[in-house]
Amino acid sequence: MASRKLVLGLTAARRLRSRAPVLVSSSPFLEASTSTSDATAATATRGSGLGPWGLFLSSRALSSTRPVSLSAGDAPGSSAADHRSILPEDEYHKLADETIHDLLEKLEEYGDSLQMDGFDIDYGNQVLTLRLGELGTYVVNKQAPNRQIWLSSPVSGPSRFDWDAPTNCWIYRRTGANLVELLEREIGELCGTPVELS
């Protein structure tokens, strides 16, 4: 593949060799370059037998593959999913359903004891929604294809939690946060009353 790119680059360079003086003389890129880069380009051009644009095109043909850019959520390292340890689907559903149902029960009890205006909890279509009036809304839902529980928080934003078998809890791999502990801390601080969800 690399040799084919080299041949294509050299062919393009030969075609442009006759036009290179016109292109080079009218190039704003070359006019704006420093004297050091002019000297480097001149040395490289003399040694190769190609004009500056021919050299440029042949080097571009060799390095035409673009680097892959990763989004912040998919950065390699501790946040990357280890696909060897993904839960079997039935076990994932069992653990995720238990976790979300436990959160639902404990948050309902908390809301009854809190007597806060705007406190409302709802569960439907595998999505748990906790409204805290003007303080914001939490959404907890299953993401079966990734074997994760996703959280949308008015405090910490979106997070994706994976099951961590050694600790028996849902962990956000990027920060090491535990789903239940994160919810306890944030909701307790927002509402001004501690909540126990574990």
C-alpha atoms as a PDB file:
ATOM      1  CA  MET A   1       0.000   0.000   0.000  1.00  0.00           C
ATOM      2  CA  ALA A   2       2.834   2.390   0.889  1.00  0.00           C
ATOM      3  CA  SER A   3       4.668   1.634  -2.377  1.00  0.00           C
ATOM      4  CA  ARG A   4       1.499   2.385  -4.342  1.00  0.00           C
ATOM      5  CA  LYS A   5       1.173   5.735  -2.557  1.00  0.00           C
ATOM      6  CA  LEU A   6       4.812   6.482  -3.337  1.00  0.00           C
ATOM      7  CA  VAL A   7       4.282   5.725  -7.046  1.00  0.00           C
ATOM      8  CA  LEU A   8       1.148   7.891  -7.094  1.00  0.00           C
ATOM      9  CA  GLY A   9       3.022  10.688  -5.347  1.00  0.00           C
ATOM     10  CA  LEU A  10       5.945  10.545  -7.744  1.00  0.00           C
ATOM     11  CA  THR A  11       3.605  10.447 -10.742  1.00  0.00           C
ATOM     12  CA  ALA A  12       1.799  13.521  -9.457  1.00  0.00           C
ATOM     13  CA  ALA A  13       5.134  15.215  -8.841  1.00  0.00           C
ATOM     14  CA  ARG A  14       6.280  14.575 -12.424  1.00  0.00           C
ATOM     15  CA  ARG A  15       3.041  16.012 -13.798  1.00  0.00           C
ATOM     16  CA  LEU A  16       3.409  19.135 -11.717  1.00  0.00           C
ATOM     17  CA  ARG A  17       7.142  19.628 -12.322  1.00  0.00           C
ATOM     18  CA  SER A  18       6.471  21.724 -15.423  1.00  0.00           C
ATOM     19  CA  ARG A  19       3.918  23.799 -13.500  1.00  0.00           C
ATOM     20  CA  ALA A  20       5.903  23.983 -10.239  1.00  0.00           C
ATOM     21  CA  PRO A  21       7.631  27.343 -10.940  1.00  0.00           C
ATOM     22  CA  VAL A  22       4.238  28.986 -11.515  1.00  0.00           C
ATOM     23  CA  LEU A  23       2.706  27.386  -8.433  1.00  0.00           C
ATOM     24  CA  VAL A  24       5.716  28.103  -6.230  1.00  0.00           C
ATOM     25  CA  SER A  25       6.070  31.701  -7.293  1.00  0.00           C
ATOM     26  CA  SER A  26       2.408  32.408  -6.570  1.00  0.00           C
ATOM     27  CA  SER A  27       2.205  30.419  -3.336  1.00  0.00           C
ATOM     28  CA  PRO A  28       1.346  32.573  -0.302  1.00  0.00           C
ATOM     29  CA  PHE A  29       2.455  29.661   1.902  1.00  0.00           C
ATOM     30  CA  LEU A  30       6.012  29.790   0.596  1.00  0.00           C
ATOM     31  CA  GLU A  31       6.148  33.578   0.634  1.00  0.00           C
ATOM     32  CA  ALA A  32       5.191  33.620   4.304  1.00  0.00           C
ATOM     33  CA  SER A  33       7.730  30.979   5.325  1.00  0.00           C
ATOM     34  CA  THR A  34      10.849  31.843   7.311  1.00  0.00           C
ATOM     35  CA  SER A  35      14.343  31.845   5.875  1.00  0.00           C
ATOM     36  CA  THR A  36      15.229  28.723   7.875  1.00  0.00           C
ATOM     37  CA  SER A  37      12.357  26.769   6.347  1.00  0.00           C
ATOM     38  CA  ASP A  38      13.257  28.167   2.885  1.00  0.00           C
ATOM     39  CA  ALA A  39      16.788  26.847   3.304  1.00  0.00           C
ATOM     40  CA  THR A  40      15.528  23.469   4.483  1.00  0.00           C
ATOM     41  CA  ALA A  41      13.070  23.239   1.589  1.00  0.00           C
ATOM     42  CA  ALA A  42      15.741  24.254  -0.913  1.00  0.00           C
ATOM     43  CA  THR A  43      18.141  21.589   0.381  1.00  0.00           C
ATOM     44  CA  ALA A  44      15.445  18.901   0.268  1.00  0.00           C
ATOM     45  CA  THR A  45      14.383  19.985  -3.224  1.00  0.00           C
ATOM     46  CA  ARG A  46      17.935  19.885  -4.641  1.00  0.00           C
ATOM     47  CA  GLY A  47      18.596  16.397  -3.264  1.00  0.00           C
ATOM     48  CA  SER A  48      15.373  14.873  -4.556  1.00  0.00           C
ATOM     49  CA  GLY A  49      15.257  16.270  -8.082  1.00  0.00           C
ATOM     50  CA  LEU A  50      11.636  17.294  -7.440  1.00  0.00           C
ATOM     51  CA  GLY A  51      10.300  20.824  -7.250  1.00  0.00           C
ATOM     52  CA  PRO A  52       8.950  22.089  -3.913  1.00  0.00           C
ATOM     53  CA  TRP A  53       5.372  21.179  -4.808  1.00  0.00           C
ATOM     54  CA  GLY A  54       6.421  17.787  -6.122  1.00  0.00           C
ATOM     55  CA  LEU A  55       8.204  17.113  -2.840  1.00  0.00           C
ATOM     56  CA  PHE A  56       5.173  18.334  -0.919  1.00  0.00           C
ATOM     57  CA  LEU A  57       2.767  16.170  -2.923  1.00  0.00           C
ATOM     58  CA  SER A  58       4.886  13.045  -2.700  1.00  0.00           C
ATOM     59  CA  SER A  59       5.244  13.419   1.059  1.00  0.00           C
ATOM     60  CA  ARG A  60       1.465  13.985   1.393  1.00  0.00           C
ATOM     61  CA  ALA A  61       0.813  10.837  -0.654  1.00  0.00           C
ATOM     62  CA  LEU A  62       2.941   8.837   1.764  1.00  0.00           C
ATOM     63  CA  SER A  63       1.179  10.209   4.833  1.00  0.00           C
ATOM     64  CA  SER A  64      -2.378  10.465   3.617  1.00  0.00           C
ATOM     65  CA  THR A  65      -3.879   8.501   6.481  1.00  0.00           C
ATOM     66  CA  ARG A  66      -5.502  10.721   9.067  1.00  0.00           C
ATOM     67  CA  PRO A  67      -4.949  10.218  12.770  1.00  0.00           C
ATOM     68  CA  VAL A  68      -7.984   8.897  14.577  1.00  0.00           C
ATOM     69  CA  SER A  69      -9.331  11.370  17.093  1.00  0.00           C
ATOM     70  CA  LEU A  70     -11.083  10.063  20.157  1.00  0.00           C
ATOM     71  CA  SER A  71     -13.808  11.845  22.014  1.00  0.00           C
ATOM     72  CA  ALA A  72     -13.246  12.557  25.662  1.00  0.00           C
ATOM     73  CA  GLY A  73     -15.712   9.855  26.635  1.00  0.00           C
ATOM     74  CA  ASP A  74     -13.795   7.203  24.753  1.00  0.00           C
ATOM     75  CA  ALA A  75     -10.253   8.105  25.769  1.00  0.00           C
ATOM     76  CA  PRO A  76      -7.986   5.075  26.089  1.00  0.00           C
ATOM     77  CA  GLY A  77      -6.788   4.006  29.491  1.00  0.00           C
ATOM     78  CA  SER A  78      -8.858   3.316  32.555  1.00  0.00           C
ATOM     79  CA  SER A  79     -12.045   4.650  30.951  1.00  0.00           C
ATOM     80  CA  ALA A  80     -11.875   2.299  27.955  1.00  0.00           C
ATOM     81  CA  ALA A  81     -14.140  -0.733  28.202  1.00  0.00           C
ATOM     82  CA  ASP A  82     -12.449  -4.073  28.703  1.00  0.00           C
ATOM     83  CA  HIS A  83     -14.555  -6.184  26.352  1.00  0.00           C
ATOM     84  CA  ARG A  84     -13.234  -9.420  27.854  1.00  0.00           C
ATOM     85  CA  SER A  85     -14.983  -8.601  31.113  1.00  0.00           C
ATOM     86  CA  ILE A  86     -18.373  -7.519  29.734  1.00  0.00           C
ATOM     87  CA  LEU A  87     -21.191  -9.131  31.661  1.00  0.00           C
ATOM     88  CA  PRO A  88     -23.391 -11.737  30.031  1.00  0.00           C
ATOM     89  CA  GLU A  89     -26.649 -10.025  29.075  1.00  0.00           C
ATOM     90  CA  ASP A  90     -28.903 -11.861  31.527  1.00  0.00           C
ATOM     91  CA  GLU A  91     -26.569 -11.139  34.451  1.00  0.00           C
ATOM     92  CA  TYR A  92     -26.324  -7.477  33.382  1.00  0.00           C
ATOM     93  CA  HIS A  93     -30.134  -7.101  33.348  1.00  0.00           C
ATOM     94  CA  LYS A  94     -30.435  -8.744  36.764  1.00  0.00           C
ATOM     95  CA  LEU A  95     -27.809  -6.476  38.361  1.00  0.00           C
ATOM     96  CA  ALA A  96     -28.971  -3.278  36.650  1.00  0.00           C
ATOM     97  CA  ASP A  97     -32.652  -3.917  37.442  1.00  0.00           C
ATOM     98  CA  GLU A  98     -31.837  -4.648  41.103  1.00  0.00           C
ATOM     99  CA  THR A  99     -29.801  -1.463  41.370  1.00  0.00           C
ATOM    100  CA  ILE A 100     -32.398   0.781  39.745  1.00  0.00           C
ATOM    101  CA  HIS A 101     -35.286  -0.758  41.748  1.00  0.00           C
ATOM    102  CA  ASP A 102     -33.326  -0.336  45.005  1.00  0.00           C
ATOM    103  CA  LEU A 103     -32.669   3.307  44.103  1.00  0.00           C
ATOM    104  CA  LEU A 104     -36.365   3.789  43.327  1.00  0.00           C
ATOM    105  CA  GLU A 105     -37.511   2.369  46.696  1.00  0.00           C
ATOM    106  CA  LYS A 106     -34.969   4.285  48.764  1.00  0.00           C
ATOM    107  CA  LEU A 107     -35.528   7.561  46.931  1.00  0.00           C
ATOM    108  CA  GLU A 108     -39.318   7.220  47.406  1.00  0.00           C
ATOM    109  CA  GLU A 109     -38.765   6.748  51.166  1.00  0.00           C
ATOM    110  CA  TYR A 110     -36.364   9.693  51.190  1.00  0.00           C
ATOM    111  CA  GLY A 111     -38.889  11.892  49.370  1.00  0.00           C
ATOM    112  CA  ASP A 112     -41.643  10.944  51.843  1.00  0.00           C
ATOM    113  CA  SER A 113     -39.448  11.893  54.803  1.00  0.00           C
ATOM    114  CA  LEU A 114     -38.133  15.062  53.145  1.00  0.00           C
ATOM    115  CA  GLN A 115     -41.443  16.749  52.272  1.00  0.00           C
ATOM    116  CA  MET A 116     -39.732  18.939  49.669  1.00  0.00           C
ATOM    117  CA  ASP A 117     -41.655  20.945  47.060  1.00  0.00           C
ATOM    118  CA  GLY A 118     -40.977  19.687  43.548  1.00  0.00           C
ATOM    119  CA  PHE A 119     -39.585  16.303  44.694  1.00  0.00           C
ATOM    120  CA  ASP A 120     -40.949  13.699  42.284  1.00  0.00           C
ATOM    121  CA  ILE A 121     -39.713  10.256  41.323  1.00  0.00           C
ATOM    122  CA  ASP A 122     -40.868   8.275  38.315  1.00  0.00           C
ATOM    123  CA  TYR A 123     -39.887   4.935  36.793  1.00  0.00           C
ATOM    124  CA  GLY A 124     -40.947   3.772  33.340  1.00  0.00           C
ATOM    125  CA  ASN A 125     -39.385   2.147  30.256  1.00  0.00           C
ATOM    126  CA  GLN A 126     -36.299   1.245  32.317  1.00  0.00           C
ATOM    127  CA  VAL A 127     -35.659   4.931  33.072  1.00  0.00           C
ATOM    128  CA  LEU A 128     -35.620   6.312  36.615  1.00  0.00           C
ATOM    129  CA  THR A 129     -36.273  10.060  36.761  1.00  0.00           C
ATOM    130  CA  LEU A 130     -35.812  12.061  39.957  1.00  0.00           C
ATOM    131  CA  ARG A 131     -37.029  15.663  39.844  1.00  0.00           C
ATOM    132  CA  LEU A 132     -35.886  18.002  42.573  1.00  0.00           C
ATOM    133  CA  GLY A 133     -37.893  21.040  41.516  1.00  0.00           C
ATOM    134  CA  GLU A 134     -35.666  24.017  40.738  1.00  0.00           C
ATOM    135  CA  LEU A 135     -32.575  22.065  41.859  1.00  0.00           C
ATOM    136  CA  GLY A 136     -32.594  19.917  38.732  1.00  0.00           C
ATOM    137  CA  THR A 137     -33.399  16.441  37.456  1.00  0.00           C
ATOM    138  CA  TYR A 138     -31.530  13.143  37.694  1.00  0.00           C
ATOM    139  CA  VAL A 139     -32.011  10.433  35.081  1.00  0.00           C
ATOM    140  CA  VAL A 140     -30.748   6.880  35.588  1.00  0.00           C
ATOM    141  CA  ASN A 141     -31.189   4.371  32.765  1.00  0.00           C
ATOM    142  CA  LYS A 142     -29.915   1.072  31.468  1.00  0.00           C
ATOM    143  CA  GLN A 143     -27.699   0.867  28.378  1.00  0.00           C
ATOM    144  CA  ALA A 144     -27.867  -2.836  27.556  1.00  0.00           C
ATOM    145  CA  PRO A 145     -25.608  -2.832  24.440  1.00  0.00           C
ATOM    146  CA  ASN A 146     -22.748  -1.423  26.559  1.00  0.00           C
ATOM    147  CA  ARG A 147     -23.757  -3.299  29.725  1.00  0.00           C
ATOM    148  CA  GLN A 148     -23.781   0.036  31.554  1.00  0.00           C
ATOM    149  CA  ILE A 149     -25.987   2.239  33.681  1.00  0.00           C
ATOM    150  CA  TRP A 150     -26.012   5.833  32.505  1.00  0.00           C
ATOM    151  CA  LEU A 151     -26.586   8.778  34.799  1.00  0.00           C
ATOM    152  CA  SER A 152     -27.488  12.330  33.898  1.00  0.00           C
ATOM    153  CA  SER A 153     -26.876  14.627  36.867  1.00  0.00           C
ATOM    154  CA  PRO A 154     -27.591  18.349  37.272  1.00  0.00           C
ATOM    155  CA  VAL A 155     -24.393  18.530  39.341  1.00  0.00           C
ATOM    156  CA  SER A 156     -21.792  16.275  37.690  1.00  0.00           C
ATOM    157  CA  GLY A 157     -23.279  15.871  34.197  1.00  0.00           C
ATOM    158  CA  PRO A 158     -23.404  12.601  32.252  1.00  0.00           C
ATOM    159  CA  SER A 159     -21.615   9.468  33.485  1.00  0.00           C
ATOM    160  CA  ARG A 160     -21.435   5.849  32.322  1.00  0.00           C
ATOM    161  CA  PHE A 161     -21.123   3.198  35.007  1.00  0.00           C
ATOM    162  CA  ASP A 162     -19.770  -0.330  34.468  1.00  0.00           C
ATOM    163  CA  TRP A 163     -20.300  -3.228  36.849  1.00  0.00           C
ATOM    164  CA  ASP A 164     -17.209  -3.849  38.957  1.00  0.00           C
ATOM    165  CA  ALA A 165     -17.323  -7.436  40.243  1.00  0.00           C
ATOM    166  CA  PRO A 166     -14.551  -7.112  42.886  1.00  0.00           C
ATOM    167  CA  THR A 167     -16.427  -4.289  44.669  1.00  0.00           C
ATOM    168  CA  ASN A 168     -19.970  -5.374  43.691  1.00  0.00           C
ATOM    169  CA  CYS A 169     -20.940  -1.896  42.536  1.00  0.00           C
ATOM    170  CA  TRP A 170     -21.348   0.282  39.462  1.00  0.00           C
ATOM    171  CA  ILE A 171     -18.196   2.337  38.825  1.00  0.00           C
ATOM    172  CA  TYR A 172     -17.534   5.240  36.463  1.00  0.00           C
ATOM    173  CA  ARG A 173     -14.152   4.110  35.137  1.00  0.00           C
ATOM    174  CA  ARG A 174     -12.921   7.577  34.225  1.00  0.00           C
ATOM    175  CA  THR A 175     -13.185   8.955  37.772  1.00  0.00           C
ATOM    176  CA  GLY A 176     -13.575   5.825  39.891  1.00  0.00           C
ATOM    177  CA  ALA A 177     -16.890   7.163  41.255  1.00  0.00           C
ATOM    178  CA  ASN A 178     -19.388   4.695  42.681  1.00  0.00           C
ATOM    179  CA  LEU A 179     -22.934   5.268  41.339  1.00  0.00           C
ATOM    180  CA  VAL A 180     -24.728   4.935  44.678  1.00  0.00           C
ATOM    181  CA  GLU A 181     -22.166   6.976  46.637  1.00  0.00           C
ATOM    182  CA  LEU A 182     -22.214   9.722  43.995  1.00  0.00           C
ATOM    183  CA  LEU A 183     -26.013   9.947  44.182  1.00  0.00           C
ATOM    184  CA  GLU A 184     -25.962   9.963  48.001  1.00  0.00           C
ATOM    185  CA  ARG A 185     -23.443  12.801  48.084  1.00  0.00           C
ATOM    186  CA  GLU A 186     -25.015  14.972  45.393  1.00  0.00           C
ATOM    187  CA  ILE A 187     -28.670  14.541  46.396  1.00  0.00           C
ATOM    188  CA  GLY A 188     -27.846  14.985  50.088  1.00  0.00           C
ATOM    189  CA  GLU A 189     -25.995  18.237  49.352  1.00  0.00           C
ATOM    190  CA  LEU A 190     -28.704  19.563  47.014  1.00  0.00           C
ATOM    191  CA  CYS A 191     -31.579  18.780  49.371  1.00  0.00           C
ATOM    192  CA  GLY A 192     -29.722  19.663  52.565  1.00  0.00           C
ATOM    193  CA  THR A 193     -30.571  16.305  54.164  1.00  0.00           C
ATOM    194  CA  PRO A 194     -28.385  13.167  54.035  1.00  0.00           C
ATOM    195  CA  VAL A 195     -29.755  10.231  52.061  1.00  0.00           C
ATOM    196  CA  GLU A 196     -28.767   6.575  52.366  1.00  0.00           C
ATOM    197  CA  LEU A 197     -29.162   4.616  49.131  1.00  0.00           C
ATOM    198  CA  SER A 198     -26.888   1.627  49.774  1.00  0.00           C
END
